[in-house]
């Protein structure tokens, strides 16, 4: 990450949002903040790119192991 100023959105909530696991009751408020906060929108875009890259590598079997 690049040291963004706003930390209102927790990384776990961002991961849940990208995965589609954020409770429906929280999605509207979450998206409202993303649309109004440049820092969180940038963080979400970075996380989304990471998520897409991991999924693409997994589908292509383009790695030998995964470390958590």
PDB file of N, CA and C in Angstrom:
ATOM      1  N   UNK A   1       0.847  -1.180   0.000  1.00  0.00           N
ATOM      2  CA  UNK A   1       0.000   0.000   0.000  1.00  0.00           C
ATOM      3  C   UNK A   1       0.894   1.245   0.000  1.00  0.00           C
ATOM      4  N   UNK A   2       0.282   2.360  -0.235  1.00  0.00           N
ATOM      5  CA  UNK A   2       1.102   3.552  -0.412  1.00  0.00           C
ATOM      6  C   UNK A   2       0.887   4.618   0.657  1.00  0.00           C
ATOM      7  N   UNK A   3       0.567   4.255   1.885  1.00  0.00           N
ATOM      8  CA  UNK A   3       0.455   5.219   2.966  1.00  0.00           C
ATOM      9  C   UNK A   3      -0.694   6.190   2.818  1.00  0.00           C
ATOM     10  N   UNK A   4      -1.849   5.716   2.454  1.00  0.00           N
ATOM     11  CA  UNK A   4      -3.007   6.581   2.252  1.00  0.00           C
ATOM     12  C   UNK A   4      -3.475   7.168   3.577  1.00  0.00           C
ATOM     13  N   UNK A   5      -4.050   8.351   3.525  1.00  0.00           N
ATOM     14  CA  UNK A   5      -4.421   9.080   4.730  1.00  0.00           C
ATOM     15  C   UNK A   5      -5.626   8.489   5.455  1.00  0.00           C
ATOM     16  N   UNK A   6      -6.636   8.053   4.757  1.00  0.00           N
ATOM     17  CA  UNK A   6      -7.856   7.556   5.387  1.00  0.00           C
ATOM     18  C   UNK A   6      -7.704   6.072   5.689  1.00  0.00           C
ATOM     19  N   UNK A   7      -8.038   5.701   6.900  1.00  0.00           N
ATOM     20  CA  UNK A   7      -8.014   4.285   7.259  1.00  0.00           C
ATOM     21  C   UNK A   7      -9.371   3.865   7.820  1.00  0.00           C
ATOM     22  N   UNK A   8     -10.412   4.505   7.328  1.00  0.00           N
ATOM     23  CA  UNK A   8     -11.762   4.243   7.810  1.00  0.00           C
ATOM     24  C   UNK A   8     -12.234   2.840   7.434  1.00  0.00           C
ATOM     25  N   UNK A   9     -11.753   2.309   6.324  1.00  0.00           N
ATOM     26  CA  UNK A   9     -12.150   0.978   5.887  1.00  0.00           C
ATOM     27  C   UNK A   9     -11.068  -0.014   6.283  1.00  0.00           C
ATOM     28  N   UNK A  10     -11.448  -0.993   7.070  1.00  0.00           N
ATOM     29  CA  UNK A  10     -10.511  -2.023   7.516  1.00  0.00           C
ATOM     30  C   UNK A  10     -10.179  -2.959   6.362  1.00  0.00           C
ATOM     31  N   UNK A  11      -8.964  -3.471   6.358  1.00  0.00           N
ATOM     32  CA  UNK A  11      -8.530  -4.371   5.301  1.00  0.00           C
ATOM     33  C   UNK A  11      -9.433  -5.601   5.227  1.00  0.00           C
ATOM     34  N   UNK A  12      -9.860  -6.123   6.361  1.00  0.00           N
ATOM     35  CA  UNK A  12     -10.758  -7.280   6.373  1.00  0.00           C
ATOM     36  C   UNK A  12     -12.088  -6.978   5.705  1.00  0.00           C
ATOM     37  N   UNK A  13     -12.621  -5.792   5.935  1.00  0.00           N
ATOM     38  CA  UNK A  13     -13.880  -5.393   5.283  1.00  0.00           C
ATOM     39  C   UNK A  13     -13.678  -5.227   3.780  1.00  0.00           C
ATOM     40  N   UNK A  14     -12.513  -4.704   3.405  1.00  0.00           N
ATOM     41  CA  UNK A  14     -12.211  -4.551   1.988  1.00  0.00           C
ATOM     42  C   UNK A  14     -12.113  -5.917   1.314  1.00  0.00           C
ATOM     43  N   UNK A  15     -11.475  -6.856   1.970  1.00  0.00           N
ATOM     44  CA  UNK A  15     -11.370  -8.219   1.431  1.00  0.00           C
ATOM     45  C   UNK A  15     -12.755  -8.847   1.305  1.00  0.00           C
ATOM     46  N   UNK A  16     -13.591  -8.665   2.319  1.00  0.00           N
ATOM     47  CA  UNK A  16     -14.961  -9.195   2.259  1.00  0.00           C
ATOM     48  C   UNK A  16     -15.747  -8.555   1.128  1.00  0.00           C
ATOM     49  N   UNK A  17     -15.568  -7.254   0.914  1.00  0.00           N
ATOM     50  CA  UNK A  17     -16.282  -6.552  -0.157  1.00  0.00           C
ATOM     51  C   UNK A  17     -15.873  -7.102  -1.521  1.00  0.00           C
ATOM     52  N   UNK A  18     -14.567  -7.221  -1.737  1.00  0.00           N
ATOM     53  CA  UNK A  18     -14.068  -7.724  -3.025  1.00  0.00           C
ATOM     54  C   UNK A  18     -14.537  -9.153  -3.270  1.00  0.00           C
ATOM     55  N   UNK A  19     -14.583  -9.957  -2.200  1.00  0.00           N
ATOM     56  CA  UNK A  19     -15.005 -11.354  -2.328  1.00  0.00           C
ATOM     57  C   UNK A  19     -16.521 -11.500  -2.394  1.00  0.00           C
ATOM     58  N   UNK A  20     -17.247 -10.407  -2.160  1.00  0.00           N
ATOM     59  CA  UNK A  20     -18.703 -10.475  -2.156  1.00  0.00           C
ATOM     60  C   UNK A  20     -19.263 -11.018  -0.857  1.00  0.00           C
ATOM     61  N   UNK A  21     -18.460 -10.968   0.211  1.00  0.00           N
ATOM     62  CA  UNK A  21     -18.875 -11.515   1.499  1.00  0.00           C
ATOM     63  C   UNK A  21     -19.263 -10.454   2.520  1.00  0.00           C
ATOM     64  N   UNK A  22     -19.242  -9.196   2.140  1.00  0.00           N
ATOM     65  CA  UNK A  22     -19.645  -8.140   3.064  1.00  0.00           C
ATOM     66  C   UNK A  22     -21.159  -8.217   3.243  1.00  0.00           C
ATOM     67  N   UNK A  23     -21.651  -8.170   4.485  1.00  0.00           N
ATOM     68  CA  UNK A  23     -23.102  -8.249   4.689  1.00  0.00           C
ATOM     69  C   UNK A  23     -23.838  -7.180   3.880  1.00  0.00           C
ATOM     70  N   UNK A  24     -24.959  -7.572   3.295  1.00  0.00           N
ATOM     71  CA  UNK A  24     -25.748  -6.654   2.468  1.00  0.00           C
ATOM     72  C   UNK A  24     -26.054  -5.342   3.188  1.00  0.00           C
ATOM     73  N   UNK A  25     -26.274  -5.419   4.481  1.00  0.00           N
ATOM     74  CA  UNK A  25     -26.609  -4.224   5.250  1.00  0.00           C
ATOM     75  C   UNK A  25     -25.455  -3.218   5.269  1.00  0.00           C
ATOM     76  N   UNK A  26     -24.230  -3.680   5.042  1.00  0.00           N
ATOM     77  CA  UNK A  26     -23.061  -2.802   5.099  1.00  0.00           C
ATOM     78  C   UNK A  26     -22.603  -2.304   3.728  1.00  0.00           C
ATOM     79  N   UNK A  27     -23.064  -2.927   2.661  1.00  0.00           N
ATOM     80  CA  UNK A  27     -22.556  -2.624   1.319  1.00  0.00           C
ATOM     81  C   UNK A  27     -22.838  -1.176   0.920  1.00  0.00           C
ATOM     82  N   UNK A  28     -24.023  -0.682   1.140  1.00  0.00           N
ATOM     83  CA  UNK A  28     -24.369   0.680   0.705  1.00  0.00           C
ATOM     84  C   UNK A  28     -23.480   1.721   1.382  1.00  0.00           C
ATOM     85  N   UNK A  29     -23.300   1.621   2.685  1.00  0.00           N
ATOM     86  CA  UNK A  29     -22.453   2.578   3.400  1.00  0.00           C
ATOM     87  C   UNK A  29     -20.995   2.452   2.960  1.00  0.00           C
ATOM     88  N   UNK A  30     -20.555   1.221   2.746  1.00  0.00           N
ATOM     89  CA  UNK A  30     -19.199   0.958   2.288  1.00  0.00           C
ATOM     90  C   UNK A  30     -18.958   1.622   0.933  1.00  0.00           C
ATOM     91  N   UNK A  31     -19.868   1.389  -0.009  1.00  0.00           N
ATOM     92  CA  UNK A  31     -19.732   1.965  -1.347  1.00  0.00           C
ATOM     93  C   UNK A  31     -19.857   3.484  -1.321  1.00  0.00           C
ATOM     94  N   UNK A  32     -20.715   4.006  -0.483  1.00  0.00           N
ATOM     95  CA  UNK A  32     -20.845   5.464  -0.376  1.00  0.00           C
ATOM     96  C   UNK A  32     -19.513   6.075   0.045  1.00  0.00           C
ATOM     97  N   UNK A  33     -18.841   5.437   1.010  1.00  0.00           N
ATOM     98  CA  UNK A  33     -17.540   5.946   1.437  1.00  0.00           C
ATOM     99  C   UNK A  33     -16.511   5.801   0.308  1.00  0.00           C
ATOM    100  N   UNK A  34     -16.508   4.661  -0.385  1.00  0.00           N
ATOM    101  CA  UNK A  34     -15.557   4.468  -1.488  1.00  0.00           C
ATOM    102  C   UNK A  34     -15.721   5.534  -2.564  1.00  0.00           C
ATOM    103  N   UNK A  35     -16.969   5.885  -2.882  1.00  0.00           N
ATOM    104  CA  UNK A  35     -17.223   6.864  -3.931  1.00  0.00           C
ATOM    105  C   UNK A  35     -16.858   8.282  -3.510  1.00  0.00           C
ATOM    106  N   UNK A  36     -16.795   8.528  -2.209  1.00  0.00           N
ATOM    107  CA  UNK A  36     -16.506   9.879  -1.746  1.00  0.00           C
ATOM    108  C   UNK A  36     -15.090  10.051  -1.214  1.00  0.00           C
ATOM    109  N   UNK A  37     -14.333   8.974  -1.068  1.00  0.00           N
ATOM    110  CA  UNK A  37     -12.992   9.044  -0.481  1.00  0.00           C
ATOM    111  C   UNK A  37     -11.956   8.550  -1.493  1.00  0.00           C
ATOM    112  N   UNK A  38     -11.156   9.455  -1.981  1.00  0.00           N
ATOM    113  CA  UNK A  38     -10.145   9.118  -2.977  1.00  0.00           C
ATOM    114  C   UNK A  38      -9.144   8.108  -2.415  1.00  0.00           C
ATOM    115  N   UNK A  39      -8.746   8.272  -1.161  1.00  0.00           N
ATOM    116  CA  UNK A  39      -7.769   7.361  -0.553  1.00  0.00           C
ATOM    117  C   UNK A  39      -8.295   5.933  -0.497  1.00  0.00           C
ATOM    118  N   UNK A  40      -9.501   5.757  -0.009  1.00  0.00           N
ATOM    119  CA  UNK A  40     -10.074   4.408   0.112  1.00  0.00           C
ATOM    120  C   UNK A  40     -10.388   3.818  -1.257  1.00  0.00           C
ATOM    121  N   UNK A  41     -10.789   4.647  -2.206  1.00  0.00           N
ATOM    122  CA  UNK A  41     -11.042   4.155  -3.556  1.00  0.00           C
ATOM    123  C   UNK A  41      -9.744   3.641  -4.178  1.00  0.00           C
ATOM    124  N   UNK A  42      -8.643   4.345  -3.950  1.00  0.00           N
ATOM    125  CA  UNK A  42      -7.344   3.903  -4.462  1.00  0.00           C
ATOM    126  C   UNK A  42      -6.921   2.598  -3.790  1.00  0.00           C
ATOM    127  N   UNK A  43      -7.140   2.519  -2.497  1.00  0.00           N
ATOM    128  CA  UNK A  43      -6.814   1.292  -1.754  1.00  0.00           C
ATOM    129  C   UNK A  43      -7.648   0.118  -2.271  1.00  0.00           C
ATOM    130  N   UNK A  44      -8.923   0.366  -2.530  1.00  0.00           N
ATOM    131  CA  UNK A  44      -9.803  -0.684  -3.052  1.00  0.00           C
ATOM    132  C   UNK A  44      -9.345  -1.113  -4.447  1.00  0.00           C
ATOM    133  N   UNK A  45      -8.924  -0.174  -5.268  1.00  0.00           N
ATOM    134  CA  UNK A  45      -8.447  -0.503  -6.612  1.00  0.00           C
ATOM    135  C   UNK A  45      -7.179  -1.350  -6.536  1.00  0.00           C
ATOM    136  N   UNK A  46      -6.267  -1.010  -5.616  1.00  0.00           N
ATOM    137  CA  UNK A  46      -5.051  -1.805  -5.433  1.00  0.00           C
ATOM    138  C   UNK A  46      -5.394  -3.224  -4.984  1.00  0.00           C
ATOM    139  N   UNK A  47      -6.314  -3.321  -4.047  1.00  0.00           N
ATOM    140  CA  UNK A  47      -6.697  -4.629  -3.526  1.00  0.00           C
ATOM    141  C   UNK A  47      -7.391  -5.449  -4.605  1.00  0.00           C
ATOM    142  N   UNK A  48      -8.226  -4.807  -5.403  1.00  0.00           N
ATOM    143  CA  UNK A  48      -8.920  -5.499  -6.487  1.00  0.00           C
ATOM    144  C   UNK A  48      -7.925  -6.025  -7.512  1.00  0.00           C
ATOM    145  N   UNK A  49      -6.910  -5.218  -7.859  1.00  0.00           N
ATOM    146  CA  UNK A  49      -5.888  -5.656  -8.808  1.00  0.00           C
ATOM    147  C   UNK A  49      -5.113  -6.850  -8.248  1.00  0.00           C
ATOM    148  N   UNK A  50      -4.797  -6.818  -6.969  1.00  0.00           N
ATOM    149  CA  UNK A  50      -4.115  -7.940  -6.328  1.00  0.00           C
ATOM    150  C   UNK A  50      -4.983  -9.194  -6.371  1.00  0.00           C
ATOM    151  N   UNK A  51      -6.249  -9.031  -6.038  1.00  0.00           N
ATOM    152  CA  UNK A  51      -7.185 -10.158  -6.057  1.00  0.00           C
ATOM    153  C   UNK A  51      -7.287 -10.763  -7.457  1.00  0.00           C
ATOM    154  N   UNK A  52      -7.432  -9.921  -8.471  1.00  0.00           N
ATOM    155  CA  UNK A  52      -7.521 -10.416  -9.847  1.00  0.00           C
ATOM    156  C   UNK A  52      -6.236 -11.122 -10.268  1.00  0.00           C
ATOM    157  N   UNK A  53      -5.077 -10.592  -9.843  1.00  0.00           N
ATOM    158  CA  UNK A  53      -3.806 -11.215 -10.183  1.00  0.00           C
ATOM    159  C   UNK A  53      -3.643 -12.584  -9.555  1.00  0.00           C
ATOM    160  N   UNK A  54      -4.044 -12.708  -8.301  1.00  0.00           N
ATOM    161  CA  UNK A  54      -3.963 -14.002  -7.612  1.00  0.00           C
ATOM    162  C   UNK A  54      -4.899 -15.004  -8.270  1.00  0.00           C
ATOM    163  N   UNK A  55      -6.103 -14.580  -8.578  1.00  0.00           N
ATOM    164  CA  UNK A  55      -7.062 -15.484  -9.224  1.00  0.00           C
ATOM    165  C   UNK A  55      -6.554 -15.948 -10.594  1.00  0.00           C
ATOM    166  N   UNK A  56      -5.980 -15.030 -11.365  1.00  0.00           N
ATOM    167  CA  UNK A  56      -5.459 -15.387 -12.685  1.00  0.00           C
ATOM    168  C   UNK A  56      -4.293 -16.364 -12.559  1.00  0.00           C
ATOM    169  N   UNK A  57      -3.410 -16.139 -11.607  1.00  0.00           N
ATOM    170  CA  UNK A  57      -2.274 -17.041 -11.401  1.00  0.00           C
ATOM    171  C   UNK A  57      -2.751 -18.419 -10.957  1.00  0.00           C
ATOM    172  N   UNK A  58      -3.773 -18.444 -10.110  1.00  0.00           N
ATOM    173  CA  UNK A  58      -4.306 -19.732  -9.646  1.00  0.00           C
ATOM    174  C   UNK A  58      -4.947 -20.497 -10.792  1.00  0.00           C
ATOM    175  N   UNK A  59      -5.695 -19.813 -11.646  1.00  0.00           N
ATOM    176  CA  UNK A  59      -6.331 -20.476 -12.793  1.00  0.00           C
ATOM    177  C   UNK A  59      -5.292 -20.997 -13.772  1.00  0.00           C
ATOM    178  N   UNK A  60      -4.192 -20.270 -13.920  1.00  0.00           N
ATOM    179  CA  UNK A  60      -3.154 -20.672 -14.866  1.00  0.00           C
ATOM    180  C   UNK A  60      -2.157 -21.644 -14.239  1.00  0.00           C
ATOM    181  N   UNK A  61      -2.330 -21.926 -12.944  1.00  0.00           N
ATOM    182  CA  UNK A  61      -1.379 -22.770 -12.209  1.00  0.00           C
ATOM    183  C   UNK A  61       0.030 -22.224 -12.412  1.00  0.00           C
ATOM    184  N   UNK A  62       0.148 -20.908 -12.287  1.00  0.00           N
ATOM    185  CA  UNK A  62       1.384 -20.198 -12.583  1.00  0.00           C
ATOM    186  C   UNK A  62       2.261 -19.992 -11.345  1.00  0.00           C
ATOM    187  N   UNK A  63       2.096 -20.833 -10.341  1.00  0.00           N
ATOM    188  CA  UNK A  63       2.924 -20.764  -9.142  1.00  0.00           C
ATOM    189  C   UNK A  63       3.040 -22.150  -8.542  1.00  0.00           C
ATOM    190  N   UNK A  64       4.078 -22.336  -7.759  1.00  0.00           N
ATOM    191  CA  UNK A  64       4.346 -23.647  -7.174  1.00  0.00           C
ATOM    192  C   UNK A  64       3.877 -23.784  -5.728  1.00  0.00           C
ATOM    193  N   UNK A  65       3.564 -22.709  -5.097  1.00  0.00           N
ATOM    194  CA  UNK A  65       3.120 -22.762  -3.706  1.00  0.00           C
ATOM    195  C   UNK A  65       2.534 -21.414  -3.309  1.00  0.00           C
ATOM    196  N   UNK A  66       1.930 -21.400  -2.153  1.00  0.00           N
ATOM    197  CA  UNK A  66       1.305 -20.172  -1.668  1.00  0.00           C
ATOM    198  C   UNK A  66       1.616 -20.041  -0.199  1.00  0.00           C
ATOM    199  N   UNK A  67       2.174 -18.931   0.207  1.00  0.00           N
ATOM    200  CA  UNK A  67       2.541 -18.696   1.597  1.00  0.00           C
ATOM    201  C   UNK A  67       1.594 -17.643   2.148  1.00  0.00           C
ATOM    202  N   UNK A  68       1.013 -17.923   3.294  1.00  0.00           N
ATOM    203  CA  UNK A  68       0.111 -16.946   3.915  1.00  0.00           C
ATOM    204  C   UNK A  68       0.810 -16.199   5.007  1.00  0.00           C
TER     205      UNK A  68
END
